[in-house]
C-alpha atoms as a PDB file:
ATOM      1  CA  MET A   1       0.066  -0.073   0.069  1.00  0.00           C
ATOM      2  CA  ALA A   2       1.270   3.667  -0.731  1.00  0.00           C
ATOM      3  CA  TRP A   3       1.569   6.256   1.288  1.00  0.00           C
ATOM      4  CA  TRP A   4      -1.227   8.659  -0.494  1.00  0.00           C
ATOM      5  CA  ASP A   5      -2.982   5.383  -0.052  1.00  0.00           C
ATOM      6  CA  ILE A   6      -3.064   5.418   3.434  1.00  0.00           C
ATOM      7  CA  MET A   7      -3.302   9.252   3.079  1.00  0.00           C
ATOM      8  CA  LEU A   8      -6.624   8.898   1.805  1.00  0.00           C
ATOM      9  CA  MET A   9      -8.319   6.415   4.012  1.00  0.00           C
ATOM     10  CA  VAL A  10      -7.561   8.763   7.299  1.00  0.00           C
ATOM     11  CA  ILE A  11      -9.021  11.550   5.511  1.00  0.00           C
ATOM     12  CA  CYS A  12     -12.346   9.270   4.165  1.00  0.00           C
ATOM     13  CA  LEU A  13     -12.171   8.466   8.140  1.00  0.00           C
ATOM     14  CA  GLY A  14     -11.639  10.965  10.094  1.00  0.00           C
ATOM     15  CA  LEU A  15     -14.014  12.833   7.724  1.00  0.00           C
ATOM     16  CA  SER A  16     -17.234  10.180   8.032  1.00  0.00           C
ATOM     17  CA  LEU A  17     -16.091  10.704  11.680  1.00  0.00           C
ATOM     18  CA  LEU A  18     -16.971  14.321  11.828  1.00  0.00           C
ATOM     19  CA  PHE A  19     -20.081  13.867  10.275  1.00  0.00           C
ATOM     20  CA  ALA A  20     -21.054  11.075  12.248  1.00  0.00           C
ATOM     21  CA  VAL A  21     -20.979  13.806  15.753  1.00  0.00           C
ATOM     22  CA  PHE A  22     -22.377  16.261  13.690  1.00  0.00           C
ATOM     23  CA  GLY A  23     -25.272  14.118  12.891  1.00  0.00           C
ATOM     24  CA  PHE A  24     -25.332  13.162  16.832  1.00  0.00           C
ATOM     25  CA  PHE A  25     -25.560  16.822  17.519  1.00  0.00           C
ATOM     26  CA  ALA A  26     -28.477  17.770  14.810  1.00  0.00           C
ATOM     27  CA  VAL A  27     -30.086  15.365  16.528  1.00  0.00           C
ATOM     28  CA  SER A  28     -30.252  15.900  20.174  1.00  0.00           C
ATOM     29  CA  SER A  29     -30.993  19.509  19.557  1.00  0.00           C
ATOM     30  CA  ALA A  30     -33.885  18.981  17.518  1.00  0.00           C
ATOM     31  CA  LYS A  31     -34.981  16.452  20.936  1.00  0.00           C
ATOM     32  CA  ALA A  32     -33.873  19.392  22.735  1.00  0.00           C
ATOM     33  CA  SER A  33     -35.974  22.004  21.234  1.00  0.00           C
ATOM     34  CA  VAL A  34     -39.024  19.898  21.061  1.00  0.00           C
ATOM     35  CA  ALA A  35     -38.834  18.780  24.204  1.00  0.00           C
ATOM     36  CA  VAL A  36     -39.438  22.586  25.274  1.00  0.00           C
ATOM     37  CA  TYR A  37     -42.335  22.629  23.685  1.00  0.00           C
ATOM     38  CA  LYS A  38     -43.253  19.757  24.888  1.00  0.00           C
ATOM     39  CA  THR A  39     -43.911  21.305  28.268  1.00  0.00           C
ATOM     40  CA  ASP A  40     -47.245  22.889  28.579  1.00  0.00           C
ATOM     41  CA  GLU A  41     -48.517  19.337  27.346  1.00  0.00           C
ATOM     42  CA  ASN A  42     -46.817  18.004  29.859  1.00  0.00           C
ATOM     43  CA  ILE A  43     -47.761  20.485  32.816  1.00  0.00           C
ATOM     44  CA  TRP A  44     -51.319  20.213  31.716  1.00  0.00           C
ATOM     45  CA  LYS A  45     -51.517  16.618  31.886  1.00  0.00           C
ATOM     46  CA  SER A  46     -49.349  16.515  35.612  1.00  0.00           C
ATOM     47  CA  LEU A  47     -52.204  18.732  37.347  1.00  0.00           C
ATOM     48  CA  GLY A  48     -54.379  16.172  37.527  1.00  0.00           C
ATOM     49  CA  LYS A  49     -57.728  17.127  39.192  1.00  0.00           C
ATOM     50  CA  ASN A  50     -56.281  19.645  41.388  1.00  0.00           C
ATOM     51  CA  ILE A  51     -56.150  22.480  39.239  1.00  0.00           C
ATOM     52  CA  THR A  52     -57.707  26.270  39.072  1.00  0.00           C
ATOM     53  CA  PRO A  53     -59.441  27.306  35.282  1.00  0.00           C
ATOM     54  CA  GLY A  54     -59.470  30.446  34.321  1.00  0.00           C
ATOM     55  CA  GLU A  55     -58.632  32.886  31.838  1.00  0.00           C
ATOM     56  CA  ALA A  56     -55.583  34.499  30.069  1.00  0.00           C
ATOM     57  CA  THR A  57     -55.224  36.837  27.386  1.00  0.00           C
ATOM     58  CA  VAL A  58     -52.195  36.515  25.292  1.00  0.00           C
ATOM     59  CA  VAL A  59     -49.805  39.676  25.944  1.00  0.00           C
ATOM     60  CA  ARG A  60     -47.137  37.993  22.756  1.00  0.00           C
ATOM     61  CA  MET A  61     -46.575  35.571  20.813  1.00  0.00           C
ATOM     62  CA  SER A  62     -43.002  34.909  19.388  1.00  0.00           C
ATOM     63  CA  ARG A  63     -41.745  31.939  17.311  1.00  0.00           C
ATOM     64  CA  GLN A  64     -38.598  30.597  17.623  1.00  0.00           C
ATOM     65  CA  ALA A  65     -35.691  32.232  15.071  1.00  0.00           C
ATOM     66  CA  GLN A  66     -35.528  28.595  13.810  1.00  0.00           C
ATOM     67  CA  ARG A  67     -39.142  28.522  12.812  1.00  0.00           C
ATOM     68  CA  LEU A  68     -39.635  24.707  14.200  1.00  0.00           C
ATOM     69  CA  THR A  69     -42.639  22.857  13.590  1.00  0.00           C
ATOM     70  CA  LYS A  70     -43.546  19.119  13.478  1.00  0.00           C
ATOM     71  CA  ALA A  71     -45.633  17.362  12.536  1.00  0.00           C
ATOM     72  CA  GLY A  72     -49.079  17.368  14.167  1.00  0.00           C
ATOM     73  CA  SER A  73     -50.718  14.190  16.426  1.00  0.00           C
ATOM     74  CA  TYR A  74     -52.414  13.722  13.743  1.00  0.00           C
ATOM     75  CA  GLY A  75     -50.359  13.165  11.164  1.00  0.00           C
ATOM     76  CA  ASN A  76     -51.777  15.605   8.376  1.00  0.00           C
ATOM     77  CA  ASN A  77     -51.156  18.805   9.804  1.00  0.00           C
ATOM     78  CA  GLN A  78     -47.825  21.089  10.567  1.00  0.00           C
ATOM     79  CA  VAL A  79     -47.346  22.545  14.146  1.00  0.00           C
ATOM     80  CA  ALA A  80     -45.335  25.452  14.739  1.00  0.00           C
ATOM     81  CA  ALA A  81     -43.120  26.104  18.472  1.00  0.00           C
ATOM     82  CA  THR A  82     -44.953  28.804  19.950  1.00  0.00           C
ATOM     83  CA  ASN A  83     -44.468  31.371  23.169  1.00  0.00           C
ATOM     84  CA  LEU A  84     -46.849  32.788  24.549  1.00  0.00           C
ATOM     85  CA  LEU A  85     -46.938  35.169  27.264  1.00  0.00           C
ATOM     86  CA  LEU A  86     -50.099  35.155  29.292  1.00  0.00           C
ATOM     87  CA  ALA A  87     -51.577  37.350  31.743  1.00  0.00           C
ATOM     88  CA  TYR A  88     -54.296  35.756  33.906  1.00  0.00           C
ATOM     89  CA  VAL A  89     -55.631  36.488  37.677  1.00  0.00           C
ATOM     90  CA  ASP A  90     -54.847  34.116  39.940  1.00  0.00           C
ATOM     91  CA  ALA A  91     -58.426  33.126  42.452  1.00  0.00           C
ATOM     92  CA  SER A  92     -56.615  35.476  45.661  1.00  0.00           C
ATOM     93  CA  GLY A  93     -56.855  37.999  42.645  1.00  0.00           C
ATOM     94  CA  THR A  94     -53.566  38.363  42.144  1.00  0.00           C
ATOM     95  CA  ARG A  95     -52.335  39.887  38.070  1.00  0.00           C
ATOM     96  CA  ARG A  96     -49.964  36.968  37.456  1.00  0.00           C
ATOM     97  CA  GLU A  97     -47.710  36.739  33.866  1.00  0.00           C
ATOM     98  CA  ALA A  98     -46.710  33.199  32.580  1.00  0.00           C
ATOM     99  CA  THR A  99     -45.056  32.057  29.430  1.00  0.00           C
ATOM    100  CA  VAL A 100     -46.268  28.935  27.788  1.00  0.00           C
ATOM    101  CA  SER A 101     -44.305  27.457  24.976  1.00  0.00           C
ATOM    102  CA  THR A 102     -46.076  24.618  23.084  1.00  0.00           C
ATOM    103  CA  PHE A 103     -46.932  23.346  20.054  1.00  0.00           C
ATOM    104  CA  ILE A 104     -50.330  25.449  17.844  1.00  0.00           C
ATOM    105  CA  GLU A 105     -51.581  23.957  14.707  1.00  0.00           C
ATOM    106  CA  THR A 106     -49.839  26.769  11.930  1.00  0.00           C
ATOM    107  CA  SER A 107     -53.863  27.603  10.520  1.00  0.00           C
ATOM    108  CA  LEU A 108     -54.562  27.858  14.391  1.00  0.00           C
ATOM    109  CA  LEU A 109     -51.293  30.240  14.973  1.00  0.00           C
ATOM    110  CA  GLY A 110     -54.418  33.462  14.333  1.00  0.00           C
ATOM    111  CA  ASN A 111     -56.520  32.426  17.138  1.00  0.00           C
ATOM    112  CA  PHE A 112     -52.941  33.396  19.670  1.00  0.00           C
ATOM    113  CA  VAL A 113     -52.415  37.280  19.025  1.00  0.00           C
ATOM    114  CA  GLU A 114     -52.081  39.591  21.380  1.00  0.00           C
ATOM    115  CA  GLY A 115     -55.385  40.842  23.563  1.00  0.00           C
ATOM    116  CA  LYS A 116     -56.884  37.243  22.696  1.00  0.00           C
ATOM    117  CA  PRO A 117     -58.139  35.276  25.192  1.00  0.00           C
ATOM    118  CA  VAL A 118     -57.181  31.883  26.001  1.00  0.00           C
ATOM    119  CA  ALA A 119     -58.576  28.949  28.551  1.00  0.00           C
ATOM    120  CA  ILE A 120     -55.670  27.690  31.322  1.00  0.00           C
ATOM    121  CA  VAL A 121     -55.889  25.973  34.642  1.00  0.00           C
ATOM    122  CA  TYR A 122     -53.093  26.480  36.941  1.00  0.00           C
ATOM    123  CA  ALA A 123     -52.545  24.377  40.121  1.00  0.00           C
ATOM    124  CA  ALA A 124     -54.536  25.599  43.435  1.00  0.00           C
ATOM    125  CA  ASP A 125     -52.184  25.705  45.115  1.00  0.00           C
ATOM    126  CA  ARG A 126     -49.303  27.535  42.970  1.00  0.00           C
ATOM    127  CA  PRO A 127     -50.744  29.725  41.175  1.00  0.00           C
ATOM    128  CA  GLU A 128     -47.920  30.396  39.637  1.00  0.00           C
ATOM    129  CA  ILE A 129     -47.850  26.778  37.414  1.00  0.00           C
ATOM    130  CA  VAL A 130     -50.610  27.281  34.321  1.00  0.00           C
ATOM    131  CA  ALA A 131     -50.788  25.213  31.600  1.00  0.00           C
ATOM    132  CA  ILE A 132     -53.231  26.612  28.840  1.00  0.00           C
ATOM    133  CA  ASN A 133     -56.816  23.842  28.775  1.00  0.00           C
ATOM    134  CA  ARG A 134     -56.825  21.605  26.354  1.00  0.00           C
ATOM    135  CA  ASP A 135     -60.104  20.974  26.472  1.00  0.00           C
ATOM    136  CA  ARG A 136     -61.115  24.434  26.085  1.00  0.00           C
ATOM    137  CA  THR A 137     -59.039  25.922  23.738  1.00  0.00           C
ATOM    138  CA  MET A 138     -58.289  23.961  20.589  1.00  0.00           C
ATOM    139  CA  LEU A 139     -54.024  23.265  20.129  1.00  0.00           C
ATOM    140  CA  GLU A 140     -55.131  21.463  16.430  1.00  0.00           C
ATOM    141  CA  ILE A 141     -57.524  20.362  14.265  1.00  0.00           C
ATOM    142  CA  PRO A 142     -58.229  16.671  14.318  1.00  0.00           C
ATOM    143  CA  PRO A 143     -59.615  15.320  11.406  1.00  0.00           C
ATOM    144  CA  SER A 144     -62.859  14.129  10.420  1.00  0.00           C
ATOM    145  CA  ASP A 145     -63.286  10.835  10.664  1.00  0.00           C
ATOM    146  CA  LEU A 146     -62.312  11.099  14.290  1.00  0.00           C
ATOM    147  CA  ARG A 147     -64.792  10.719  16.336  1.00  0.00           C
END
């Protein structure tokens, strides 16, 4: 084997390793981004029966610079990673603000512009823990054949 054959193999091996490392970091970064926007859904599920329903007003809606979208729960829709700054008054009369990061179907984003009301739930004993009330606020449009 000539020296240039060995050098070519080393270069190819190095490039393969570089692409593998880059791919690993790209996939793990994407998973971390998706996890942030699943937090609201996880809070909503974890609150259980210890909730106080309420209504919030959208103060600001924003999306991340990368405009993260993914397939929705029904598979035929696109949902967008969205940050909502919500203002609400808890049961004690205290005005609060909370940022909720969640996925919203792209065709429904207009329902979450500044000033629009949003149904929320919050922990009865910790009103700063807030989530969108998914029973009263549509974040995705279900398919017509869903019963």
